[in-house]
């Protein structure tokens, strides 16, 4: 049986306008294009060690990205007119330490890019920050 490792790549919709989708990821999320190929009209952004592939013809997807300073980012982006589908919200108290250090809490906020992909921004807080 093969050994499956870490996630290497996630495919996300580029919608009909690759330029506006990439501009959103650059200007709002601060993530630059790693590689782009025209034709066929695909682009890659690196999220840590994971490639995000943007291409047309696939349904919109959801990607969760770690962030530091979620509240500040939300306030700044919202003030700049970036629409969020959900503000920063406590989604899990990891009392057992299943997803990180025991006692931390996980907060998430959600927004969409121009192609309709959902972006979940995830920040973990130590117990004393509650």
Protein backbone atom coordinates (compact mmCIF):
# COMPACT_ATOMS: atom_id res chain seq x y z
CA UNK A 1 0.00 0.00 0.00
CA UNK A 2 1.43 3.45 -0.90
CA UNK A 3 2.17 5.97 1.82
CA UNK A 4 0.17 9.16 1.36
CA UNK A 5 1.97 12.29 2.55
CA UNK A 6 1.12 15.94 2.90
CA UNK A 7 -1.19 17.93 0.63
CA UNK A 8 0.79 19.04 -2.44
CA UNK A 9 -1.78 21.02 -4.44
CA UNK A 10 -5.34 22.33 -4.23
CA UNK A 11 -7.24 23.32 -7.39
CA UNK A 12 -9.43 26.41 -7.19
CA UNK A 13 -11.58 28.08 -9.80
CA UNK A 14 -10.09 31.05 -11.61
CA UNK A 15 -13.54 31.97 -12.91
CA UNK A 16 -13.68 33.67 -16.28
CA UNK A 17 -11.17 36.37 -15.26
CA UNK A 18 -7.86 34.94 -14.05
CA UNK A 19 -6.39 38.45 -13.71
CA UNK A 20 -9.04 39.68 -11.25
CA UNK A 21 -8.86 36.48 -9.21
CA UNK A 22 -5.07 36.71 -8.95
CA UNK A 23 -5.29 40.44 -8.14
CA UNK A 24 -7.61 39.62 -5.22
CA UNK A 25 -5.20 37.03 -3.83
CA UNK A 26 -2.31 39.48 -4.23
CA UNK A 27 -3.97 42.71 -3.09
CA UNK A 28 -6.28 41.40 -0.35
CA UNK A 29 -4.40 38.36 0.95
CA UNK A 30 -0.85 39.45 0.11
CA UNK A 31 0.00 36.25 -1.78
CA UNK A 32 1.99 36.59 -4.98
CA UNK A 33 1.79 34.48 -8.11
CA UNK A 34 4.44 31.75 -8.11
CA UNK A 35 4.01 30.76 -11.77
CA UNK A 36 1.61 31.51 -14.62
CA UNK A 37 1.18 29.81 -17.97
CA UNK A 38 -0.69 31.47 -20.86
CA UNK A 39 -1.88 29.45 -22.70
CA UNK A 40 -3.63 27.55 -21.21
CA UNK A 41 -4.46 30.25 -18.61
CA UNK A 42 -3.43 28.69 -15.32
CA UNK A 43 -1.57 30.12 -12.35
CA UNK A 44 -0.05 28.90 -9.11
CA UNK A 45 0.23 30.60 -5.72
CA UNK A 46 2.26 28.98 -2.95
CA UNK A 47 0.62 28.70 0.47
CA UNK A 48 3.49 27.40 2.55
CA UNK A 49 4.42 24.13 0.89
CA UNK A 50 1.06 23.72 -0.86
CA UNK A 51 0.47 24.85 -4.45
CA UNK A 52 -2.85 26.56 -5.13
CA UNK A 53 -3.73 25.96 -8.79
CA UNK A 54 -6.11 28.46 -10.38
CA UNK A 55 -7.81 27.45 -13.60
CA UNK A 56 -11.13 27.90 -15.39
CA UNK A 57 -13.59 25.08 -15.86
CA UNK A 58 -13.62 23.68 -12.35
CA UNK A 59 -16.15 24.47 -9.63
CA UNK A 60 -15.35 26.96 -6.91
CA UNK A 61 -13.68 25.39 -3.90
CA UNK A 62 -12.77 26.16 -0.32
CA UNK A 63 -9.27 26.59 1.06
CA UNK A 64 -8.33 27.26 4.67
CA UNK A 65 -5.26 29.41 5.29
CA UNK A 66 -3.46 30.05 8.57
CA UNK A 67 -3.24 33.70 9.54
CA UNK A 68 -1.72 35.72 12.35
CA UNK A 69 -3.65 38.81 13.40
CA UNK A 70 -7.08 37.71 12.16
CA UNK A 71 -9.03 40.46 13.96
CA UNK A 72 -6.75 43.22 12.61
CA UNK A 73 -6.83 41.77 9.09
CA UNK A 74 -10.64 41.55 9.20
CA UNK A 75 -10.97 45.16 10.37
CA UNK A 76 -8.56 46.50 7.73
CA UNK A 77 -9.96 44.45 4.86
CA UNK A 78 -13.57 45.22 5.78
CA UNK A 79 -12.75 48.94 5.97
CA UNK A 80 -11.25 48.62 2.48
CA UNK A 81 -14.55 47.17 1.20
CA UNK A 82 -13.67 43.48 1.16
CA UNK A 83 -16.90 41.57 1.82
CA UNK A 84 -16.76 38.76 4.38
CA UNK A 85 -19.31 35.97 4.49
CA UNK A 86 -18.54 35.44 8.20
CA UNK A 87 -16.54 37.59 10.64
CA UNK A 88 -13.92 36.13 13.00
CA UNK A 89 -15.74 33.56 15.12
CA UNK A 90 -14.69 30.96 17.64
CA UNK A 91 -15.28 27.59 15.95
CA UNK A 92 -13.51 25.14 18.24
CA UNK A 93 -11.92 24.86 21.67
CA UNK A 94 -9.25 22.20 21.32
CA UNK A 95 -9.32 21.01 24.93
CA UNK A 96 -7.82 17.62 24.02
CA UNK A 97 -5.11 18.93 21.68
CA UNK A 98 -6.32 17.04 18.60
CA UNK A 99 -5.36 19.79 16.13
CA UNK A 100 -2.57 21.55 18.01
CA UNK A 101 -1.60 22.33 21.57
CA UNK A 102 -4.26 21.36 24.12
CA UNK A 103 -6.36 24.26 25.35
CA UNK A 104 -6.00 26.42 22.27
CA UNK A 105 -9.05 27.81 20.51
CA UNK A 106 -9.52 28.07 16.77
CA UNK A 107 -11.04 31.17 15.21
CA UNK A 108 -12.12 31.51 11.58
CA UNK A 109 -13.39 34.18 9.22
CA UNK A 110 -14.64 33.57 5.68
CA UNK A 111 -14.59 35.57 2.46
CA UNK A 112 -14.89 34.84 -1.26
CA UNK A 113 -12.63 35.75 -4.14
CA UNK A 114 -13.98 37.04 -7.49
CA UNK A 115 -14.24 33.46 -8.85
CA UNK A 116 -16.46 32.38 -5.94
CA UNK A 117 -13.84 30.36 -4.06
CA UNK A 118 -14.34 30.44 -0.30
CA UNK A 119 -11.33 31.36 1.79
CA UNK A 120 -11.33 30.36 5.44
CA UNK A 121 -8.79 32.29 7.48
CA UNK A 122 -7.76 30.31 10.56
CA UNK A 123 -6.01 31.56 13.71
CA UNK A 124 -5.31 29.56 16.84
CA UNK A 125 -5.20 31.34 20.20
CA UNK A 126 -3.57 30.13 23.40
CA UNK A 127 -5.96 29.76 26.36
CA UNK A 128 -4.85 33.03 28.02
CA UNK A 129 -5.96 35.10 24.98
CA UNK A 130 -9.65 34.31 25.47
